[in-house]
């Protein structure tokens, strides 16, 4: 019986030691979360009106709404970019054709190519080739194209996964710019709010002197 009690005491002591070791980490995590929440509340104000809202406050609130809407539109555009690339891949893979192509004009975002299909028809897609990075003028490459629409063509062994990073970067930059703009509008609003009591005091003093 004594041995069982000793084991229970040792187990309880170990549990307490584990809690004491992890509790500082948990406190730090809780402090970080609390700090982030306070910073969010401080610099990302509400987007809805309040009773007694001033004209300047209403204008700044509408500006903030416009900033958030613009950031959402940029994000939506990034998502549509990835979805469009995925859709093009699916269309090419349904009617897959493979050909050897020559790079006529290489660029980071658009590269013009020329290729010949098995039926001896030469194509030079007006929109260039999909996923054109790391191509050079005169390079011979293999491409995959939609046999029903040869103008839709991509570099072989490349797919929509390559569009995720550029599209995500656009979305992140958009939200960073929006965050900076929201912070600026918040600081402007606070400066106006600090000046308002001084203006009210000056108006009150002026009315008292005139009376």
N, C-alpha and C. Protein backbone atom coordinates (compact mmCIF):
# COMPACT_ATOMS: atom_id res chain seq x y z
N UNK A 1 0.84 -1.20 0.00
CA UNK A 1 0.00 0.00 0.00
C UNK A 1 0.88 1.25 0.00
N UNK A 2 1.95 1.19 0.82
CA UNK A 2 2.86 2.33 0.89
C UNK A 2 3.55 2.56 -0.45
N UNK A 3 3.92 1.48 -1.12
CA UNK A 3 4.58 1.61 -2.42
C UNK A 3 3.67 2.27 -3.45
N UNK A 4 2.36 1.89 -3.41
CA UNK A 4 1.39 2.49 -4.34
C UNK A 4 1.25 3.98 -4.06
N UNK A 5 1.23 4.34 -2.78
CA UNK A 5 1.13 5.75 -2.42
C UNK A 5 2.35 6.53 -2.89
N UNK A 6 3.52 5.89 -2.73
CA UNK A 6 4.75 6.55 -3.19
C UNK A 6 4.72 6.79 -4.69
N UNK A 7 4.23 5.77 -5.44
CA UNK A 7 4.14 5.93 -6.90
C UNK A 7 3.17 7.04 -7.26
N UNK A 8 2.04 7.10 -6.55
CA UNK A 8 1.06 8.15 -6.82
C UNK A 8 1.65 9.52 -6.53
N UNK A 9 2.41 9.61 -5.43
CA UNK A 9 3.02 10.89 -5.07
C UNK A 9 4.05 11.32 -6.11
N UNK A 10 4.86 10.36 -6.59
CA UNK A 10 5.85 10.67 -7.61
C UNK A 10 5.18 11.12 -8.91
N UNK A 11 4.09 10.42 -9.30
CA UNK A 11 3.37 10.78 -10.52
C UNK A 11 2.78 12.18 -10.42
N UNK A 12 2.21 12.47 -9.25
CA UNK A 12 1.62 13.81 -9.05
C UNK A 12 2.70 14.89 -9.10
N UNK A 13 3.87 14.57 -8.52
CA UNK A 13 4.97 15.54 -8.55
C UNK A 13 5.45 15.77 -9.98
N UNK A 14 5.51 14.69 -10.76
CA UNK A 14 5.93 14.84 -12.17
C UNK A 14 4.93 15.68 -12.95
N UNK A 15 3.63 15.46 -12.71
CA UNK A 15 2.60 16.24 -13.39
C UNK A 15 2.73 17.71 -13.05
N UNK A 16 2.96 18.00 -11.76
CA UNK A 16 3.11 19.39 -11.36
C UNK A 16 4.35 20.02 -11.99
N UNK A 17 5.43 19.24 -12.08
CA UNK A 17 6.65 19.76 -12.71
C UNK A 17 6.42 20.05 -14.18
N UNK A 18 5.67 19.15 -14.85
CA UNK A 18 5.39 19.37 -16.28
C UNK A 18 4.55 20.62 -16.47
N UNK A 19 3.54 20.80 -15.59
CA UNK A 19 2.69 22.00 -15.69
C UNK A 19 3.50 23.26 -15.46
N UNK A 20 4.41 23.18 -14.43
CA UNK A 20 5.22 24.36 -14.12
C UNK A 20 6.17 24.70 -15.26
N UNK A 21 6.63 23.65 -16.00
CA UNK A 21 7.54 23.91 -17.12
C UNK A 21 6.80 24.50 -18.31
N UNK A 22 5.59 24.03 -18.56
CA UNK A 22 4.86 24.50 -19.73
C UNK A 22 4.09 25.78 -19.46
N UNK A 23 3.80 26.09 -18.21
CA UNK A 23 2.99 27.26 -17.94
C UNK A 23 3.66 28.57 -18.37
N UNK A 24 5.00 28.76 -18.22
CA UNK A 24 5.60 29.99 -18.76
C UNK A 24 5.42 30.13 -20.26
N UNK A 25 5.56 29.02 -20.98
CA UNK A 25 5.37 29.06 -22.43
C UNK A 25 3.93 29.44 -22.77
N UNK A 26 3.01 28.84 -22.02
CA UNK A 26 1.61 29.18 -22.27
C UNK A 26 1.32 30.63 -21.94
N UNK A 27 1.96 31.13 -20.88
CA UNK A 27 1.75 32.55 -20.54
C UNK A 27 2.29 33.45 -21.64
N UNK A 28 3.45 33.09 -22.19
CA UNK A 28 4.01 33.89 -23.28
C UNK A 28 3.09 33.86 -24.49
N UNK A 29 2.58 32.67 -24.83
CA UNK A 29 1.66 32.56 -25.96
C UNK A 29 0.40 33.40 -25.72
N UNK A 30 -0.12 33.33 -24.49
CA UNK A 30 -1.31 34.12 -24.17
C UNK A 30 -1.02 35.62 -24.26
N UNK A 31 0.17 36.03 -23.80
CA UNK A 31 0.54 37.45 -23.89
C UNK A 31 0.67 37.90 -25.33
N UNK A 32 1.26 37.04 -26.17
CA UNK A 32 1.41 37.40 -27.59
C UNK A 32 0.04 37.55 -28.25
N UNK A 33 -0.85 36.59 -27.98
CA UNK A 33 -2.19 36.66 -28.56
C UNK A 33 -2.92 37.90 -28.07
N UNK A 34 -2.77 38.20 -26.78
CA UNK A 34 -3.43 39.38 -26.22
C UNK A 34 -2.87 40.66 -26.85
N UNK A 35 -1.53 40.70 -27.03
CA UNK A 35 -0.92 41.89 -27.64
C UNK A 35 -1.38 42.07 -29.08
N UNK A 36 -1.45 40.96 -29.84
CA UNK A 36 -1.91 41.05 -31.22
C UNK A 36 -3.35 41.54 -31.28
N UNK A 37 -4.17 41.07 -30.36
CA UNK A 37 -5.57 41.49 -30.35
C UNK A 37 -5.68 42.98 -30.02
N UNK A 38 -4.90 43.45 -29.04
CA UNK A 38 -4.92 44.87 -28.69
C UNK A 38 -4.44 45.72 -29.86
N UNK A 39 -3.37 45.25 -30.54
CA UNK A 39 -2.86 45.99 -31.70
C UNK A 39 -3.90 46.03 -32.82
N UNK A 40 -4.59 44.91 -33.03
CA UNK A 40 -5.64 44.87 -34.06
C UNK A 40 -6.75 45.85 -33.72
N UNK A 41 -7.18 45.86 -32.47
CA UNK A 41 -8.26 46.77 -32.06
C UNK A 41 -7.82 48.22 -32.14
N UNK A 42 -6.52 48.45 -31.92
CA UNK A 42 -6.03 49.83 -31.90
C UNK A 42 -5.86 50.40 -33.29
N UNK A 43 -5.36 49.59 -34.22
CA UNK A 43 -5.00 50.12 -35.54
C UNK A 43 -5.97 49.71 -36.64
N UNK A 44 -6.83 48.74 -36.40
CA UNK A 44 -7.81 48.34 -37.39
C UNK A 44 -9.21 48.61 -36.82
N UNK A 45 -9.64 49.86 -36.87
CA UNK A 45 -10.90 50.22 -36.23
C UNK A 45 -12.10 49.64 -36.96
N UNK A 46 -13.27 49.79 -36.34
CA UNK A 46 -14.50 49.26 -36.91
C UNK A 46 -14.84 49.96 -38.22
N UNK A 47 -15.65 49.32 -39.01
CA UNK A 47 -16.07 49.88 -40.30
C UNK A 47 -17.53 50.28 -40.28
N UNK A 48 -18.15 50.27 -39.13
CA UNK A 48 -19.56 50.64 -39.02
C UNK A 48 -19.70 51.95 -38.25
N UNK A 49 -20.80 52.64 -38.46
CA UNK A 49 -21.02 53.93 -37.83
C UNK A 49 -21.42 53.79 -36.37
N UNK A 50 -21.20 54.88 -35.63
CA UNK A 50 -21.57 54.94 -34.23
C UNK A 50 -22.41 56.18 -33.99
N UNK A 51 -23.24 56.16 -32.93
CA UNK A 51 -24.01 57.37 -32.60
C UNK A 51 -23.08 58.55 -32.32
N UNK A 52 -23.44 59.70 -32.83
CA UNK A 52 -22.63 60.89 -32.63
C UNK A 52 -21.40 60.96 -33.50
N UNK A 53 -21.37 60.20 -34.56
CA UNK A 53 -20.22 60.20 -35.46
C UNK A 53 -20.11 61.55 -36.17
N UNK A 54 -18.91 62.11 -36.19
CA UNK A 54 -18.69 63.39 -36.83
C UNK A 54 -18.58 63.22 -38.35
N UNK A 55 -18.62 64.34 -39.04
CA UNK A 55 -18.50 64.31 -40.50
C UNK A 55 -17.13 63.77 -40.92
N UNK A 56 -16.06 64.22 -40.22
CA UNK A 56 -14.72 63.73 -40.53
C UNK A 56 -14.61 62.23 -40.26
N UNK A 57 -15.21 61.78 -39.14
CA UNK A 57 -15.18 60.36 -38.83
C UNK A 57 -15.92 59.54 -39.86
N UNK A 58 -17.03 60.07 -40.37
CA UNK A 58 -17.80 59.35 -41.39
C UNK A 58 -17.00 59.24 -42.69
N UNK A 59 -16.30 60.32 -43.05
CA UNK A 59 -15.49 60.30 -44.27
C UNK A 59 -14.35 59.28 -44.14
N UNK A 60 -13.68 59.31 -42.99
CA UNK A 60 -12.58 58.36 -42.78
C UNK A 60 -13.08 56.92 -42.75
N UNK A 61 -14.26 56.71 -42.17
CA UNK A 61 -14.81 55.35 -42.14
C UNK A 61 -15.10 54.87 -43.55
N UNK A 62 -15.64 55.73 -44.40
CA UNK A 62 -15.90 55.33 -45.79
C UNK A 62 -14.60 55.07 -46.54
N UNK A 63 -13.57 55.85 -46.22
CA UNK A 63 -12.27 55.59 -46.84
C UNK A 63 -11.76 54.22 -46.43
N UNK A 64 -11.92 53.88 -45.15
CA UNK A 64 -11.47 52.56 -44.68
C UNK A 64 -12.24 51.44 -45.37
N UNK A 65 -13.54 51.65 -45.53
CA UNK A 65 -14.34 50.65 -46.24
C UNK A 65 -13.83 50.47 -47.66
N UNK A 66 -13.50 51.57 -48.33
CA UNK A 66 -12.96 51.49 -49.68
C UNK A 66 -11.64 50.76 -49.72
N UNK A 67 -10.79 50.98 -48.71
CA UNK A 67 -9.50 50.29 -48.66
C UNK A 67 -9.69 48.79 -48.51
N UNK A 68 -10.59 48.39 -47.60
CA UNK A 68 -10.84 46.96 -47.39
C UNK A 68 -11.45 46.33 -48.64
N UNK A 69 -12.37 47.03 -49.29
CA UNK A 69 -12.98 46.50 -50.51
C UNK A 69 -11.93 46.33 -51.59
N UNK A 70 -11.03 47.30 -51.73
CA UNK A 70 -9.97 47.19 -52.74
C UNK A 70 -9.06 46.00 -52.45
N UNK A 71 -8.71 45.79 -51.18
CA UNK A 71 -7.87 44.65 -50.83
C UNK A 71 -8.58 43.33 -51.12
N UNK A 72 -9.89 43.30 -50.84
CA UNK A 72 -10.66 42.08 -51.14
C UNK A 72 -10.71 41.82 -52.64
N UNK A 73 -10.83 42.88 -53.44
CA UNK A 73 -10.85 42.72 -54.89
C UNK A 73 -9.51 42.19 -55.41
N UNK A 74 -8.42 42.69 -54.83
CA UNK A 74 -7.09 42.20 -55.23
C UNK A 74 -6.96 40.71 -54.89
N UNK A 75 -7.45 40.34 -53.69
CA UNK A 75 -7.41 38.94 -53.30
C UNK A 75 -8.25 38.08 -54.23
N UNK A 76 -9.45 38.58 -54.56
CA UNK A 76 -10.32 37.85 -55.48
C UNK A 76 -9.65 37.69 -56.84
N UNK A 77 -8.98 38.73 -57.30
CA UNK A 77 -8.28 38.64 -58.58
C UNK A 77 -7.19 37.58 -58.53
N UNK A 78 -6.49 37.49 -57.41
CA UNK A 78 -5.44 36.48 -57.27
C UNK A 78 -6.03 35.07 -57.30
N UNK A 79 -7.16 34.90 -56.60
CA UNK A 79 -7.81 33.59 -56.61
C UNK A 79 -8.28 33.23 -58.01
N UNK A 80 -8.87 34.19 -58.72
CA UNK A 80 -9.33 33.93 -60.08
C UNK A 80 -8.17 33.62 -61.02
N UNK A 81 -7.01 34.22 -60.75
CA UNK A 81 -5.83 33.93 -61.56
C UNK A 81 -5.44 32.46 -61.45
N UNK A 82 -5.43 31.96 -60.21
CA UNK A 82 -5.08 30.54 -60.01
C UNK A 82 -6.16 29.64 -60.60
N UNK A 83 -7.44 29.99 -60.38
CA UNK A 83 -8.52 29.18 -60.93
C UNK A 83 -8.50 29.18 -62.45
N UNK A 84 -8.17 30.32 -63.05
CA UNK A 84 -8.07 30.38 -64.51
C UNK A 84 -6.95 29.50 -65.04
N UNK A 85 -5.81 29.51 -64.35
CA UNK A 85 -4.70 28.64 -64.76
C UNK A 85 -5.09 27.17 -64.63
N UNK A 86 -5.78 26.84 -63.54
CA UNK A 86 -6.22 25.45 -63.35
C UNK A 86 -7.22 25.04 -64.44
N UNK A 87 -8.11 25.95 -64.80
CA UNK A 87 -9.09 25.67 -65.85
C UNK A 87 -8.39 25.45 -67.19
N UNK A 88 -7.40 26.26 -67.50
CA UNK A 88 -6.66 26.08 -68.75
C UNK A 88 -5.95 24.73 -68.79
N UNK A 89 -5.39 24.34 -67.63
CA UNK A 89 -4.72 23.04 -67.57
C UNK A 89 -5.70 21.90 -67.85
N UNK A 90 -6.87 21.98 -67.24
CA UNK A 90 -7.87 20.92 -67.45
C UNK A 90 -8.30 20.86 -68.92
N UNK A 91 -8.43 22.02 -69.55
CA UNK A 91 -8.85 22.05 -70.95
C UNK A 91 -7.76 21.46 -71.86
N UNK A 92 -6.51 21.77 -71.55
CA UNK A 92 -5.41 21.21 -72.35
C UNK A 92 -5.34 19.70 -72.17
N UNK A 93 -5.50 19.25 -70.93
CA UNK A 93 -5.37 17.82 -70.66
C UNK A 93 -6.52 17.00 -71.24
N UNK A 94 -7.68 17.62 -71.46
CA UNK A 94 -8.80 16.88 -72.08
C UNK A 94 -8.51 16.58 -73.55
N UNK A 95 -7.85 17.52 -74.23
CA UNK A 95 -7.54 17.34 -75.65
C UNK A 95 -6.05 17.60 -75.84
N UNK A 96 -5.24 16.70 -75.31
CA UNK A 96 -3.80 16.94 -75.21
C UNK A 96 -3.09 16.70 -76.53
N UNK A 97 -2.29 17.68 -76.89
CA UNK A 97 -1.38 17.55 -78.01
C UNK A 97 0.01 18.01 -77.59
N UNK A 98 1.03 17.38 -78.11
CA UNK A 98 2.41 17.70 -77.76
C UNK A 98 3.17 18.06 -79.02
N UNK A 99 3.98 19.12 -78.94
CA UNK A 99 4.75 19.53 -80.11
C UNK A 99 6.04 20.20 -79.65
N UNK A 100 6.99 20.26 -80.56
CA UNK A 100 8.23 20.98 -80.29
C UNK A 100 8.06 22.41 -80.77
N UNK A 101 8.48 23.37 -79.95
CA UNK A 101 8.27 24.78 -80.27
C UNK A 101 9.58 25.54 -80.18
N UNK A 102 9.59 26.70 -80.84
CA UNK A 102 10.73 27.61 -80.79
C UNK A 102 10.31 28.89 -80.09
N UNK A 103 11.11 29.34 -79.13
CA UNK A 103 10.82 30.59 -78.42
C UNK A 103 11.28 31.75 -79.28
N UNK A 104 10.34 32.60 -79.69
CA UNK A 104 10.65 33.73 -80.55
C UNK A 104 11.00 34.97 -79.74
N UNK A 105 10.26 35.19 -78.66
CA UNK A 105 10.49 36.40 -77.84
C UNK A 105 10.21 36.03 -76.39
N UNK A 106 11.25 35.88 -75.59
CA UNK A 106 11.09 35.44 -74.21
C UNK A 106 10.96 36.62 -73.27
N UNK A 107 10.09 36.46 -72.27
CA UNK A 107 9.90 37.48 -71.25
C UNK A 107 9.44 36.83 -69.96
N UNK A 108 9.56 37.53 -68.84
CA UNK A 108 9.18 36.93 -67.55
C UNK A 108 7.68 36.66 -67.43
N UNK A 109 6.86 37.46 -68.13
CA UNK A 109 5.41 37.29 -68.03
C UNK A 109 4.77 36.82 -69.34
N UNK A 110 5.42 37.02 -70.44
CA UNK A 110 4.86 36.63 -71.73
C UNK A 110 5.98 36.23 -72.66
N UNK A 111 5.85 35.08 -73.26
CA UNK A 111 6.84 34.60 -74.23
C UNK A 111 6.11 34.14 -75.49
N UNK A 112 6.56 34.64 -76.63
CA UNK A 112 5.97 34.26 -77.91
C UNK A 112 6.70 33.02 -78.45
N UNK A 113 5.92 32.05 -78.90
CA UNK A 113 6.50 30.81 -79.43
C UNK A 113 5.87 30.49 -80.78
N UNK A 114 6.48 29.52 -81.43
CA UNK A 114 5.96 29.02 -82.70
C UNK A 114 6.14 27.51 -82.71
N UNK A 115 5.08 26.81 -83.08
CA UNK A 115 5.18 25.35 -83.15
C UNK A 115 4.33 24.84 -84.31
N UNK A 116 4.62 23.62 -84.74
CA UNK A 116 3.94 22.99 -85.87
C UNK A 116 3.22 21.75 -85.36
N UNK A 117 1.94 21.65 -85.67
CA UNK A 117 1.15 20.49 -85.26
C UNK A 117 1.41 19.32 -86.21
N UNK A 118 1.01 18.10 -85.83
CA UNK A 118 1.23 16.94 -86.70
C UNK A 118 0.61 17.06 -88.08
N UNK A 119 -0.43 17.91 -88.22
CA UNK A 119 -1.03 18.08 -89.55
C UNK A 119 -0.37 19.21 -90.34
N UNK A 120 0.85 19.60 -89.95
CA UNK A 120 1.69 20.55 -90.68
C UNK A 120 1.14 21.98 -90.66
N UNK A 121 0.42 22.32 -89.62
CA UNK A 121 -0.08 23.69 -89.47
C UNK A 121 0.78 24.41 -88.44
N UNK A 122 1.26 25.59 -88.81
CA UNK A 122 2.11 26.37 -87.91
C UNK A 122 1.25 27.32 -87.08
N UNK A 123 1.50 27.34 -85.79
CA UNK A 123 0.75 28.21 -84.87
C UNK A 123 1.72 29.12 -84.13
N UNK A 124 1.30 30.35 -83.95
CA UNK A 124 2.02 31.33 -83.14
C UNK A 124 0.98 32.00 -82.24
N UNK A 125 0.69 31.43 -81.08
CA UNK A 125 -0.39 31.95 -80.22
C UNK A 125 -0.18 33.43 -79.88
N UNK A 126 -1.24 34.21 -80.05
CA UNK A 126 -1.15 35.65 -79.81
C UNK A 126 -0.87 35.95 -78.34
N UNK A 127 -1.41 35.14 -77.43
CA UNK A 127 -1.21 35.38 -76.00
C UNK A 127 0.04 34.71 -75.47
N UNK A 128 0.80 34.09 -76.35
CA UNK A 128 2.03 33.45 -75.92
C UNK A 128 1.76 32.10 -75.27
N UNK A 129 2.75 31.63 -74.53
CA UNK A 129 2.69 30.33 -73.89
C UNK A 129 2.46 30.51 -72.39
N UNK A 130 1.71 29.61 -71.78
CA UNK A 130 1.49 29.67 -70.35
C UNK A 130 2.75 29.25 -69.59
N UNK A 131 2.97 29.87 -68.43
CA UNK A 131 4.11 29.58 -67.55
C UNK A 131 5.42 29.80 -68.28
N UNK A 132 5.69 31.05 -68.72
CA UNK A 132 6.82 31.32 -69.62
C UNK A 132 8.15 31.62 -68.93
N UNK A 133 8.25 31.42 -67.63
CA UNK A 133 9.48 31.79 -66.93
C UNK A 133 10.65 30.93 -67.37
N UNK A 134 11.85 31.53 -67.26
CA UNK A 134 13.11 30.83 -67.53
C UNK A 134 13.21 30.33 -68.97
N UNK A 135 12.69 31.10 -69.90
CA UNK A 135 12.85 30.79 -71.32
C UNK A 135 13.77 31.83 -71.95
N UNK A 136 14.46 31.43 -73.00
CA UNK A 136 15.36 32.34 -73.72
C UNK A 136 15.02 32.33 -75.20
N UNK A 137 15.34 33.43 -75.86
CA UNK A 137 15.09 33.53 -77.30
C UNK A 137 15.85 32.42 -78.04
N UNK A 138 15.14 31.78 -78.97
CA UNK A 138 15.73 30.73 -79.77
C UNK A 138 15.72 29.37 -79.11
N UNK A 139 15.27 29.27 -77.89
CA UNK A 139 15.27 27.98 -77.19
C UNK A 139 14.25 27.05 -77.83
N UNK A 140 14.61 25.78 -77.92
CA UNK A 140 13.70 24.74 -78.41
C UNK A 140 13.11 24.02 -77.20
N UNK A 141 11.80 24.03 -77.12
CA UNK A 141 11.12 23.44 -75.97
C UNK A 141 9.97 22.57 -76.46
N UNK A 142 9.48 21.74 -75.58
CA UNK A 142 8.26 20.98 -75.85
C UNK A 142 7.09 21.66 -75.15
N UNK A 143 5.98 21.71 -75.87
CA UNK A 143 4.78 22.34 -75.32
C UNK A 143 3.61 21.38 -75.41
N UNK A 144 2.64 21.62 -74.57
CA UNK A 144 1.37 20.88 -74.59
C UNK A 144 0.26 21.87 -74.93
N UNK A 145 -0.62 21.46 -75.84
CA UNK A 145 -1.65 22.40 -76.30
C UNK A 145 -2.98 21.68 -76.42
N UNK A 146 -4.03 22.47 -76.49
CA UNK A 146 -5.38 21.96 -76.69
C UNK A 146 -5.58 21.72 -78.18
N UNK A 147 -5.80 20.48 -78.57
CA UNK A 147 -5.95 20.17 -80.00
C UNK A 147 -7.18 20.84 -80.60
N UNK A 148 -8.18 21.16 -79.78
CA UNK A 148 -9.36 21.88 -80.28
C UNK A 148 -9.11 23.38 -80.36
N UNK A 149 -8.11 23.85 -79.62
CA UNK A 149 -7.78 25.28 -79.62
C UNK A 149 -6.28 25.41 -79.44
N UNK A 150 -5.49 25.28 -80.51
CA UNK A 150 -4.02 25.28 -80.41
C UNK A 150 -3.44 26.59 -79.88
N UNK A 151 -4.26 27.65 -79.81
CA UNK A 151 -3.75 28.89 -79.23
C UNK A 151 -3.60 28.79 -77.71
N UNK A 152 -4.22 27.77 -77.12
CA UNK A 152 -4.08 27.54 -75.69
C UNK A 152 -2.97 26.52 -75.49
N UNK A 153 -1.80 26.98 -75.05
CA UNK A 153 -0.61 26.14 -75.02
C UNK A 153 0.21 26.47 -73.77
N UNK A 154 0.85 25.47 -73.21
CA UNK A 154 1.69 25.65 -72.02
C UNK A 154 3.02 24.93 -72.22
N UNK A 155 4.01 25.33 -71.45
CA UNK A 155 5.29 24.63 -71.46
C UNK A 155 5.08 23.24 -70.85
N UNK A 156 5.65 22.26 -71.47
CA UNK A 156 5.45 20.89 -71.01
C UNK A 156 5.97 20.70 -69.58
N UNK A 157 5.25 19.90 -68.80
CA UNK A 157 5.57 19.57 -67.41
C UNK A 157 5.43 20.77 -66.48
N UNK A 158 4.70 21.80 -66.88
CA UNK A 158 4.37 22.91 -66.00
C UNK A 158 2.85 23.00 -65.87
N UNK A 159 2.39 23.46 -64.69
CA UNK A 159 0.95 23.51 -64.46
C UNK A 159 0.60 24.69 -63.56
N UNK A 160 -0.67 24.71 -63.10
CA UNK A 160 -1.19 25.85 -62.35
C UNK A 160 -0.50 26.04 -61.01
N UNK A 161 0.22 25.04 -60.52
CA UNK A 161 0.92 25.21 -59.24
C UNK A 161 1.91 26.36 -59.30
N UNK A 162 2.44 26.64 -60.50
CA UNK A 162 3.39 27.74 -60.65
C UNK A 162 2.73 29.10 -60.51
N UNK A 163 1.41 29.15 -60.62
CA UNK A 163 0.70 30.43 -60.50
C UNK A 163 0.35 30.77 -59.07
N UNK A 164 0.50 29.82 -58.14
CA UNK A 164 0.07 30.06 -56.76
C UNK A 164 0.95 31.11 -56.09
N UNK A 165 2.27 30.97 -56.23
CA UNK A 165 3.18 31.91 -55.55
C UNK A 165 3.03 33.34 -56.07
N UNK A 166 3.02 33.58 -57.40
CA UNK A 166 2.81 34.95 -57.86
C UNK A 166 1.46 35.52 -57.42
N UNK A 167 0.41 34.71 -57.54
CA UNK A 167 -0.91 35.19 -57.14
C UNK A 167 -0.97 35.46 -55.64
N UNK A 168 -0.39 34.57 -54.85
CA UNK A 168 -0.36 34.79 -53.40
C UNK A 168 0.44 36.02 -53.03
N UNK A 169 1.53 36.26 -53.76
CA UNK A 169 2.35 37.45 -53.48
C UNK A 169 1.56 38.73 -53.75
N UNK A 170 0.79 38.72 -54.81
CA UNK A 170 -0.04 39.90 -55.12
C UNK A 170 -1.04 40.15 -54.00
N UNK A 171 -1.67 39.08 -53.51
CA UNK A 171 -2.66 39.22 -52.43
C UNK A 171 -1.99 39.74 -51.15
N UNK A 172 -0.82 39.19 -50.81
CA UNK A 172 -0.13 39.61 -49.60
C UNK A 172 0.28 41.08 -49.68
N UNK A 173 0.84 41.48 -50.82
CA UNK A 173 1.24 42.88 -50.99
C UNK A 173 0.01 43.79 -50.91
N UNK A 174 -1.09 43.35 -51.51
CA UNK A 174 -2.31 44.15 -51.45
C UNK A 174 -2.77 44.39 -50.03
N UNK A 175 -2.74 43.33 -49.19
CA UNK A 175 -3.18 43.48 -47.80
C UNK A 175 -2.17 44.26 -46.98
N UNK A 176 -0.87 44.17 -47.29
CA UNK A 176 0.12 44.98 -46.60
C UNK A 176 -0.11 46.46 -46.86
N UNK A 177 -0.34 46.79 -48.13
CA UNK A 177 -0.62 48.19 -48.48
C UNK A 177 -1.91 48.65 -47.81
N UNK A 178 -2.93 47.79 -47.82
CA UNK A 178 -4.19 48.14 -47.17
C UNK A 178 -3.99 48.35 -45.67
N UNK A 179 -3.17 47.48 -45.04
CA UNK A 179 -2.92 47.64 -43.61
C UNK A 179 -2.25 48.96 -43.29
N UNK A 180 -1.26 49.35 -44.09
CA UNK A 180 -0.59 50.63 -43.88
C UNK A 180 -1.58 51.79 -44.05
N UNK A 181 -2.42 51.70 -45.08
CA UNK A 181 -3.42 52.75 -45.30
C UNK A 181 -4.41 52.84 -44.15
N UNK A 182 -4.82 51.68 -43.60
CA UNK A 182 -5.75 51.69 -42.47
C UNK A 182 -5.10 52.31 -41.23
N UNK A 183 -3.83 51.99 -41.00
CA UNK A 183 -3.13 52.59 -39.87
C UNK A 183 -3.05 54.11 -40.03
N UNK A 184 -2.78 54.58 -41.25
CA UNK A 184 -2.69 56.02 -41.50
C UNK A 184 -4.03 56.70 -41.22
N UNK A 185 -5.12 56.11 -41.71
CA UNK A 185 -6.44 56.71 -41.44
C UNK A 185 -6.77 56.71 -39.95
N UNK A 186 -6.34 55.68 -39.24
CA UNK A 186 -6.57 55.64 -37.79
C UNK A 186 -5.80 56.75 -37.08
N UNK A 187 -4.54 56.95 -37.47
CA UNK A 187 -3.75 58.02 -36.86
C UNK A 187 -4.33 59.39 -37.17
N UNK A 188 -4.81 59.57 -38.39
CA UNK A 188 -5.45 60.84 -38.75
C UNK A 188 -6.69 61.07 -37.91
N UNK A 189 -7.50 60.03 -37.74
CA UNK A 189 -8.72 60.17 -36.95
C UNK A 189 -8.41 60.50 -35.50
N UNK A 190 -7.39 59.87 -34.95
CA UNK A 190 -7.02 60.16 -33.56
C UNK A 190 -6.51 61.58 -33.41
N UNK A 191 -5.78 62.05 -34.40
CA UNK A 191 -5.30 63.43 -34.33
C UNK A 191 -6.46 64.40 -34.37
N UNK A 192 -7.46 64.11 -35.20
CA UNK A 192 -8.65 64.96 -35.26
C UNK A 192 -9.39 64.92 -33.94
N UNK A 193 -9.51 63.73 -33.34
CA UNK A 193 -10.21 63.60 -32.06
C UNK A 193 -9.48 64.37 -30.96
N UNK A 194 -8.13 64.41 -31.01
CA UNK A 194 -7.39 65.16 -29.99
C UNK A 194 -7.57 66.66 -30.16
N UNK A 195 -7.73 67.12 -31.39
CA UNK A 195 -7.90 68.54 -31.63
C UNK A 195 -9.31 69.01 -31.32
N UNK A 196 -10.29 68.08 -31.36
CA UNK A 196 -11.68 68.47 -31.17
C UNK A 196 -11.94 69.09 -29.79
N UNK A 197 -11.43 68.52 -28.68
CA UNK A 197 -11.67 69.18 -27.38
C UNK A 197 -11.09 70.58 -27.32
N UNK A 198 -9.90 70.80 -27.94
CA UNK A 198 -9.31 72.14 -27.94
C UNK A 198 -10.20 73.13 -28.67
N UNK A 199 -10.77 72.67 -29.79
CA UNK A 199 -11.66 73.55 -30.55
C UNK A 199 -12.92 73.85 -29.75
N UNK A 200 -13.47 72.82 -29.08
CA UNK A 200 -14.67 73.02 -28.27
C UNK A 200 -14.39 73.96 -27.11
N UNK A 201 -13.21 73.84 -26.46
CA UNK A 201 -12.87 74.72 -25.35
C UNK A 201 -12.72 76.16 -25.82
N UNK A 202 -12.09 76.32 -27.00
CA UNK A 202 -11.92 77.68 -27.53
C UNK A 202 -13.26 78.29 -27.88
N UNK A 203 -14.17 77.49 -28.44
CA UNK A 203 -15.50 78.00 -28.77
C UNK A 203 -16.27 78.38 -27.52
N UNK A 204 -16.17 77.57 -26.46
CA UNK A 204 -16.85 77.86 -25.21
C UNK A 204 -16.31 79.12 -24.57
N UNK A 205 -14.96 79.30 -24.58
CA UNK A 205 -14.38 80.49 -24.02
C UNK A 205 -14.79 81.73 -24.79
N UNK A 206 -14.85 81.62 -26.10
CA UNK A 206 -15.24 82.76 -26.93
C UNK A 206 -16.68 83.16 -26.64
N UNK A 207 -17.57 82.19 -26.45
CA UNK A 207 -18.98 82.49 -26.15
C UNK A 207 -19.13 83.14 -24.78
N UNK A 208 -18.30 82.68 -23.81
CA UNK A 208 -18.37 83.28 -22.48
C UNK A 208 -17.90 84.72 -22.49
N UNK A 209 -16.83 85.01 -23.25
CA UNK A 209 -16.34 86.37 -23.34
C UNK A 209 -17.33 87.30 -24.03
N UNK A 210 -17.97 86.77 -25.06
CA UNK A 210 -18.93 87.62 -25.79
C UNK A 210 -20.17 87.90 -24.97
N UNK A 211 -20.53 86.97 -24.05
CA UNK A 211 -21.70 87.20 -23.21
C UNK A 211 -21.37 88.15 -22.05
